[in-house]
Protein backbone atom coordinates (compact mmCIF):
# COMPACT_ATOMS: atom_id res chain seq x y z
CA UNK A 1 -1.72 8.38 -1.18
CA UNK A 2 -5.17 8.64 -3.15
CA UNK A 3 -2.59 8.45 -6.62
CA UNK A 4 -0.95 5.12 -4.87
CA UNK A 5 -4.31 3.54 -4.01
CA UNK A 6 -5.96 4.22 -7.89
CA UNK A 7 -2.70 2.96 -9.69
CA UNK A 8 -2.21 0.15 -7.25
CA UNK A 9 -5.88 -1.06 -7.55
CA UNK A 10 -5.48 -1.50 -3.65
CA UNK A 11 -8.59 -3.81 -2.31
CA UNK A 12 -7.92 -1.99 1.01
CA UNK A 13 -6.17 -0.07 3.05
CA UNK A 14 -5.75 0.21 6.74
CA UNK A 15 -4.36 3.17 9.06
CA UNK A 16 -2.93 2.23 12.53
CA UNK A 17 -0.18 3.21 14.66
CA UNK A 18 3.48 1.19 14.41
CA UNK A 19 6.04 1.54 16.92
CA UNK A 20 4.61 4.96 17.55
CA UNK A 21 4.30 6.31 13.94
CA UNK A 22 1.40 6.72 11.58
CA UNK A 23 1.22 3.73 9.64
CA UNK A 24 -0.44 2.95 6.00
CA UNK A 25 -1.38 -0.52 5.11
CA UNK A 26 -2.43 -1.91 1.51
CA UNK A 27 -3.75 -4.71 0.45
CA UNK A 28 -3.08 -5.23 -3.26
CA UNK A 29 -3.07 -7.99 -5.70
CA UNK A 30 0.56 -8.73 -7.17
CA UNK A 31 0.30 -10.85 -10.26
CA UNK A 32 4.19 -9.92 -11.64
CA UNK A 33 7.51 -9.00 -10.05
CA UNK A 34 7.42 -5.50 -11.45
CA UNK A 35 4.36 -4.75 -9.82
CA UNK A 36 6.06 -5.08 -6.16
CA UNK A 37 6.24 -1.66 -4.66
CA UNK A 38 9.53 -0.08 -4.45
CA UNK A 39 10.13 1.32 -0.94
CA UNK A 40 9.69 5.35 -0.43
């Protein structure tokens, strides 16, 4: 996760539980379509 935060230059990260699963939400600045993260 640390690599993802560094590679995307995430402005903030939130960790929570969503529908019973641990979830991470990252806020990133997307300036081009190529920067949109792909689903894992």
